[in-house]
Amino acid sequence: MKLIIIALFLTLVTASRSISQIERLYISGPATPVFTAGQDGYTCFRIPAIIQLKNRELLAFAEGRKNGCSDTGDIDLVMKRSSDQGNTWSNLKVIWNDEENTCGNPAPVVNEINGYIFLLSTWNLGSDREPQIIDQRSTDTRRVFLLRSKDQGKSWTKPKEITKDVKAPNWTWYATGPGSGIQLTTGPNVGRMIIGCDHIEAGTMKYYSHAIYSDNGGRNWKLGGSSMKDQVNECEVAELSNGQLIMNMRNYDRSQKTRQIMKSDDGGLSWSGQRHDKTLIEPICQASLLSTGQFLLFSNPASEEKEKK
């Protein structure tokens, strides 16, 4: 299986118009493999993210899963670079390898002012499985870490734990991203860096999406607002042309097999208007949302059911 930089289905919407006013672009033709299962010492690659640097190079991140495609076990954070807009890619670089533990959910964001890259990630013991962490029967818990690069991703700081800053005490499971973060370009919070995340509450075991943000260039991160309703988790944030933020969320309410969305008027501190977007069907899978300023680009496997090919 190859992890490629291509959208199975792409939705195009003018950022100032309704999210339901869309054009669909079906992409065909040759794709560029970035991470290929069975190569570089990894059985499987999952949870991709990609960013463009100030010098227009691309960095692609993923989880390198050593012994299989399971979400638990020996998982490393890995990266590749492209200097030709994705036509070719560098050799694989391991950013974080903590022996047999799980280092995952890469969520990168670029500070456009100085070019520094901030990589948010999660960690747990490789022996702790997600159901155990959710039930609070695990040896440890899910923790959140921050890595930084000042040289276009050539080197990275040691992971710094920021769990207490961005995870509430009554949350068990936690995931950064998946996907990339953004930096706001307009309004009273210009320069703010935001990443979509998700969590599960202890006791109720309900899934929610939320945002984390930094107002000092990525050095420190704080907890933003959460979704009002549960049954959502993996998410990505984009900035609309009117200054609002939109969060697009993976949906677990299978009575409506579509993505859910909500908006923020205060830079991610609170969210409102959570609803299903009937246009954006999904099989419960990672998706991607990107703003070009004029357009929103959304990509995912456009199907109500999981399909194997």
Protein backbone atom coordinates (compact mmCIF):
# COMPACT_ATOMS: atom_id res chain seq x y z
CA MET A 1 0.00 0.00 0.00
CA LYS A 2 1.31 3.43 -0.94
CA LEU A 3 0.61 6.72 0.80
CA ILE A 4 0.30 9.23 -2.02
CA ILE A 5 -0.22 12.95 -2.37
CA ILE A 6 -3.45 12.93 -4.31
CA ALA A 7 -7.09 13.52 -3.42
CA LEU A 8 -9.53 10.69 -4.05
CA PHE A 9 -12.22 13.34 -4.22
CA LEU A 10 -11.79 17.09 -4.07
CA THR A 11 -14.47 19.60 -3.16
CA LEU A 12 -14.00 23.24 -4.13
CA VAL A 13 -15.99 26.03 -2.47
CA THR A 14 -15.59 29.79 -2.55
CA ALA A 15 -14.56 30.71 0.98
CA SER A 16 -17.02 33.60 1.23
CA ARG A 17 -19.96 31.52 0.02
CA SER A 18 -22.00 28.78 1.61
CA ILE A 19 -20.16 25.54 2.23
CA SER A 20 -22.91 23.80 0.26
CA GLN A 21 -22.15 25.74 -2.93
CA ILE A 22 -19.45 23.51 -4.33
CA GLU A 23 -17.76 22.13 -7.36
CA ARG A 24 -16.45 18.58 -7.42
CA LEU A 25 -13.14 17.69 -8.97
CA TYR A 26 -12.45 14.02 -9.63
CA ILE A 27 -8.74 13.43 -9.93
CA SER A 28 -7.28 10.70 -12.08
CA GLY A 29 -3.94 9.90 -13.62
CA PRO A 30 -0.56 9.03 -12.13
CA ALA A 31 0.06 9.75 -8.48
CA THR A 32 3.33 10.31 -6.64
CA PRO A 33 4.07 7.76 -3.89
CA VAL A 34 5.52 9.39 -0.79
CA PHE A 35 5.50 6.64 1.84
CA THR A 36 5.24 3.03 0.65
CA ALA A 37 4.32 0.18 2.99
CA GLY A 38 7.11 -2.33 3.46
CA GLN A 39 9.89 0.16 2.75
CA ASP A 40 12.40 1.90 5.05
CA GLY A 41 11.89 -0.69 7.79
CA TYR A 42 8.18 -0.01 8.30
CA THR A 43 5.31 -2.39 7.66
CA CYS A 44 2.77 0.38 7.30
CA PHE A 45 2.43 4.18 7.08
CA ARG A 46 -0.63 6.03 8.36
CA ILE A 47 -1.89 9.48 9.43
CA PRO A 48 -0.28 11.75 6.80
CA ALA A 49 0.16 15.52 7.02
CA ILE A 50 1.84 17.97 4.65
CA ILE A 51 2.97 21.61 4.84
CA GLN A 52 4.59 24.11 2.50
CA LEU A 53 7.55 26.06 3.85
CA LYS A 54 8.39 29.70 3.19
CA ASN A 55 10.93 28.54 0.57
CA ARG A 56 8.08 26.56 -1.11
CA GLU A 57 9.54 23.18 -0.23
CA LEU A 58 7.06 20.56 0.96
CA LEU A 59 7.41 18.45 4.10
CA ALA A 60 5.30 15.30 4.40
CA PHE A 61 4.86 13.62 7.78
CA ALA A 62 3.39 10.27 8.77
CA GLU A 63 3.38 7.55 11.37
CA GLY A 64 5.84 4.80 10.52
CA ARG A 65 4.36 1.64 11.99
CA LYS A 66 6.98 -1.03 12.57
CA ASN A 67 5.12 -4.29 13.02
CA GLY A 68 1.74 -3.78 11.37
CA CYS A 69 -1.01 -1.25 10.72
CA SER A 70 -2.39 -1.23 14.26
CA ASP A 71 -2.82 2.12 16.03
CA THR A 72 -0.73 0.82 18.94
CA GLY A 73 2.74 -0.61 19.35
CA ASP A 74 6.09 0.53 17.95
CA ILE A 75 5.26 3.68 15.95
CA ASP A 76 7.70 6.44 14.92
CA LEU A 77 7.21 9.94 13.54
CA VAL A 78 8.77 10.12 10.06
CA MET A 79 9.19 12.78 7.39
CA LYS A 80 10.13 13.31 3.75
CA ARG A 81 10.95 16.48 1.79
CA SER A 82 10.16 17.61 -1.74
CA SER A 83 11.93 20.50 -3.49
CA ASP A 84 9.94 20.20 -6.74
CA GLN A 85 6.33 20.58 -5.58
CA GLY A 86 5.83 16.91 -4.85
CA ASN A 87 7.19 15.32 -8.01
CA THR A 88 10.04 13.63 -6.16
CA TRP A 89 10.75 13.03 -2.48
CA SER A 90 13.82 12.68 -0.28
CA ASN A 91 14.86 9.65 1.70
CA LEU A 92 12.87 9.02 4.87
CA LYS A 93 13.95 10.87 8.03
CA VAL A 94 12.94 9.62 11.49
CA ILE A 95 11.98 12.58 13.69
CA TRP A 96 10.96 10.75 16.85
CA ASN A 97 11.64 7.13 17.80
CA ASP A 98 10.94 6.22 21.42
CA GLU A 99 11.90 2.56 21.26
CA GLU A 100 8.74 0.39 21.29
CA ASN A 101 6.35 3.19 22.26
CA THR A 102 3.79 5.06 20.12
CA CYS A 103 4.83 8.47 18.76
CA GLY A 104 2.11 9.61 16.40
CA ASN A 105 -0.54 11.97 15.07
CA PRO A 106 1.81 14.50 13.43
CA ALA A 107 0.16 17.95 13.21
CA PRO A 108 2.62 20.50 11.76
CA VAL A 109 2.18 24.26 11.41
CA VAL A 110 4.54 26.93 10.04
CA ASN A 111 5.10 30.32 11.66
CA GLU A 112 5.02 32.43 8.50
CA ILE A 113 6.81 35.30 10.23
CA ASN A 114 10.12 33.51 10.91
CA GLY A 115 9.66 30.20 9.10
CA TYR A 116 9.91 28.07 12.24
CA ILE A 117 8.03 24.77 12.08
CA PHE A 118 6.09 23.45 15.05
CA LEU A 119 5.09 19.80 15.14
CA LEU A 120 2.43 18.73 17.63
CA SER A 121 2.27 15.02 18.38
CA THR A 122 0.88 12.48 20.83
CA TRP A 123 2.61 9.69 22.76
CA ASN A 124 1.61 6.62 24.71
CA LEU A 125 3.24 3.40 25.85
CA GLY A 126 3.34 0.88 23.06
CA SER A 127 1.86 -1.68 25.42
CA ASP A 128 -1.19 0.50 26.18
CA ARG A 129 -4.07 0.09 23.76
CA GLU A 130 -6.69 2.73 23.02
CA PRO A 131 -9.59 0.90 24.80
CA GLN A 132 -7.44 0.58 27.95
CA ILE A 133 -6.59 4.29 27.89
CA ILE A 134 -10.26 5.20 27.40
CA ASP A 135 -11.32 2.88 30.27
CA GLN A 136 -8.48 4.22 32.44
CA ARG A 137 -7.07 0.71 32.81
CA SER A 138 -3.81 1.53 31.04
CA THR A 139 -0.39 1.77 32.65
CA ASP A 140 0.05 5.35 31.45
CA THR A 141 -2.12 7.74 29.44
CA ARG A 142 -2.12 9.65 26.19
CA ARG A 143 0.30 12.60 26.31
CA VAL A 144 0.87 15.63 24.05
CA PHE A 145 4.28 16.82 22.86
CA LEU A 146 5.78 19.72 20.90
CA LEU A 147 8.78 19.60 18.56
CA ARG A 148 10.32 22.62 16.78
CA SER A 149 12.59 23.19 13.80
CA LYS A 150 14.37 26.46 13.00
CA ASP A 151 16.09 25.20 9.84
CA GLN A 152 13.30 24.10 7.49
CA GLY A 153 12.96 20.67 9.07
CA LYS A 154 16.61 19.65 8.78
CA SER A 155 16.87 19.25 12.57
CA TRP A 156 14.34 19.11 15.40
CA THR A 157 14.31 19.83 19.11
CA LYS A 158 13.72 17.04 21.57
CA PRO A 159 10.00 16.48 22.19
CA LYS A 160 8.69 18.74 24.97
CA GLU A 161 5.62 17.59 26.88
CA ILE A 162 2.75 20.10 26.95
CA THR A 163 -0.05 17.78 28.15
CA LYS A 164 -1.03 19.91 31.15
CA ASP A 165 -1.45 22.97 28.89
CA VAL A 166 -3.77 21.42 26.31
CA LYS A 167 -5.49 18.40 27.88
CA ALA A 168 -8.24 18.66 30.51
CA PRO A 169 -7.89 16.41 33.59
CA ASN A 170 -11.06 14.45 32.77
CA TRP A 171 -9.93 13.55 29.24
CA THR A 172 -8.50 10.12 28.48
CA TRP A 173 -7.80 9.56 24.79
CA TYR A 174 -6.34 12.51 22.87
CA ALA A 175 -5.21 13.09 19.29
CA THR A 176 -3.57 16.05 17.59
CA GLY A 177 -4.85 16.65 14.06
CA PRO A 178 -4.52 14.64 11.99
CA GLY A 179 -3.44 17.10 9.32
CA SER A 180 -1.79 20.50 9.41
CA GLY A 181 -2.46 23.61 11.46
CA ILE A 182 -2.91 27.18 10.31
CA GLN A 183 -1.79 30.70 11.23
CA LEU A 184 -4.46 33.41 11.14
CA THR A 185 -3.93 36.16 8.55
CA THR A 186 -6.59 38.68 9.51
CA GLY A 187 -8.68 40.06 12.36
CA PRO A 188 -7.90 40.73 16.04
CA ASN A 189 -6.07 37.41 16.42
CA VAL A 190 -3.78 37.75 13.41
CA GLY A 191 -0.68 35.58 13.85
CA ARG A 192 -2.46 33.07 16.11
CA MET A 193 -1.53 29.46 15.31
CA ILE A 194 -4.32 26.88 15.58
CA ILE A 195 -4.49 23.09 15.35
CA GLY A 196 -7.59 20.91 15.44
CA CYS A 197 -7.54 18.03 17.94
CA ASP A 198 -9.94 15.59 19.56
CA HIS A 199 -10.47 13.91 22.91
CA ILE A 200 -12.62 11.44 24.83
CA GLU A 201 -14.18 12.23 28.21
CA ALA A 202 -13.63 9.94 31.16
CA GLY A 203 -16.78 8.28 32.41
CA THR A 204 -19.10 9.28 29.56
CA MET A 205 -16.59 8.01 26.94
CA LYS A 206 -17.98 10.59 24.51
CA TYR A 207 -15.92 11.83 21.55
CA TYR A 208 -15.41 15.57 20.94
CA SER A 209 -13.34 17.80 18.66
CA HIS A 210 -11.48 20.82 19.98
CA ALA A 211 -8.82 23.38 19.07
CA ILE A 212 -5.49 24.32 20.62
CA TYR A 213 -3.74 27.61 19.87
CA SER A 214 -0.59 29.67 20.35
CA ASP A 215 -0.41 33.45 20.56
CA ASN A 216 3.37 33.69 20.95
CA GLY A 217 4.62 32.20 17.70
CA GLY A 218 4.31 28.55 18.67
CA ARG A 219 6.40 28.56 21.85
CA ASN A 220 3.45 27.90 24.18
CA TRP A 221 0.07 26.32 23.50
CA LYS A 222 -3.31 26.67 25.18
CA LEU A 223 -6.62 24.85 25.07
CA GLY A 224 -9.30 26.41 22.87
CA GLY A 225 -12.98 25.58 22.49
CA SER A 226 -14.61 22.19 21.99
CA SER A 227 -17.54 20.98 19.91
CA MET A 228 -20.92 21.32 21.58
CA LYS A 229 -22.07 17.85 20.51
CA ASP A 230 -20.21 14.55 20.68
CA GLN A 231 -19.69 11.80 18.07
CA VAL A 232 -16.97 13.76 16.28
CA ASN A 233 -13.20 13.49 16.55
CA GLU A 234 -10.42 13.92 13.93
CA CYS A 235 -10.64 17.44 12.49
CA GLU A 236 -8.94 20.23 10.61
CA VAL A 237 -9.38 24.03 10.77
CA ALA A 238 -9.41 26.62 7.96
CA GLU A 239 -9.74 30.41 7.91
CA LEU A 240 -12.57 31.90 5.86
CA SER A 241 -12.30 35.14 3.90
CA ASN A 242 -14.57 36.91 6.44
CA GLY A 243 -12.22 36.06 9.32
CA GLN A 244 -14.31 33.22 10.71
CA LEU A 245 -12.80 29.80 11.32
CA ILE A 246 -14.41 26.60 10.12
CA MET A 247 -13.68 23.20 11.61
CA ASN A 248 -14.40 20.08 9.56
CA MET A 249 -14.83 16.93 11.67
CA ARG A 250 -14.94 13.17 11.21
CA ASN A 251 -18.44 12.02 12.13
CA TYR A 252 -19.47 8.92 14.08
CA ASP A 253 -23.23 9.50 13.92
CA ARG A 254 -23.99 6.88 11.30
CA SER A 255 -27.61 7.97 10.95
CA GLN A 256 -26.09 10.72 8.79
CA LYS A 257 -23.04 9.56 6.85
CA THR A 258 -21.56 12.99 6.29
CA ARG A 259 -18.86 15.20 7.77
CA GLN A 260 -19.77 17.66 10.51
CA ILE A 261 -18.74 21.32 10.56
CA MET A 262 -18.83 24.24 13.01
CA LYS A 263 -17.54 27.82 13.02
CA SER A 264 -15.74 30.20 15.37
CA ASP A 265 -15.93 34.00 15.55
CA ASP A 266 -13.23 34.40 18.20
CA GLY A 267 -10.21 32.63 16.77
CA GLY A 268 -11.06 29.15 18.07
CA LEU A 269 -11.85 29.99 21.70
CA SER A 270 -15.46 28.91 21.17
CA TRP A 271 -17.46 27.19 18.43
CA SER A 272 -21.08 27.32 17.31
CA GLY A 273 -23.46 26.09 14.63
CA GLN A 274 -22.32 22.47 14.71
CA ARG A 275 -24.14 20.54 11.98
CA HIS A 276 -23.85 17.86 9.35
CA ASP A 277 -22.80 18.98 5.87
CA LYS A 278 -24.98 16.85 3.60
CA THR A 279 -22.69 17.39 0.63
CA LEU A 280 -19.57 15.94 2.24
CA ILE A 281 -20.27 12.22 2.53
CA GLU A 282 -17.73 10.04 4.33
CA PRO A 283 -17.03 6.45 5.45
CA ILE A 284 -15.49 7.56 8.83
CA CYS A 285 -12.00 8.38 7.63
CA GLN A 286 -9.31 11.04 7.77
CA ALA A 287 -10.02 14.01 5.52
CA SER A 288 -8.31 17.30 4.70
CA LEU A 289 -9.41 20.94 4.58
CA LEU A 290 -7.28 23.75 3.16
CA SER A 291 -8.00 27.41 2.46
CA THR A 292 -6.39 29.23 -0.46
CA GLY A 293 -7.94 32.54 0.59
CA GLN A 294 -10.51 32.47 -2.21
CA PHE A 295 -11.37 28.78 -2.05
CA LEU A 296 -11.71 25.97 0.46
CA LEU A 297 -10.29 22.66 -0.72
CA PHE A 298 -11.69 19.53 0.91
CA SER A 299 -10.53 16.01 0.12
CA ASN A 300 -11.56 12.58 1.38
CA PRO A 301 -12.68 9.16 0.14
CA ALA A 302 -16.13 10.23 -1.14
CA SER A 303 -18.16 7.23 -0.09
CA GLU A 304 -20.64 6.41 2.67
CA GLU A 305 -18.99 3.01 3.20
CA LYS A 306 -15.41 1.83 3.49
CA GLU A 307 -14.29 0.34 0.21
CA LYS A 308 -11.34 -1.94 -0.50
CA LYS A 309 -9.61 -1.94 -3.87
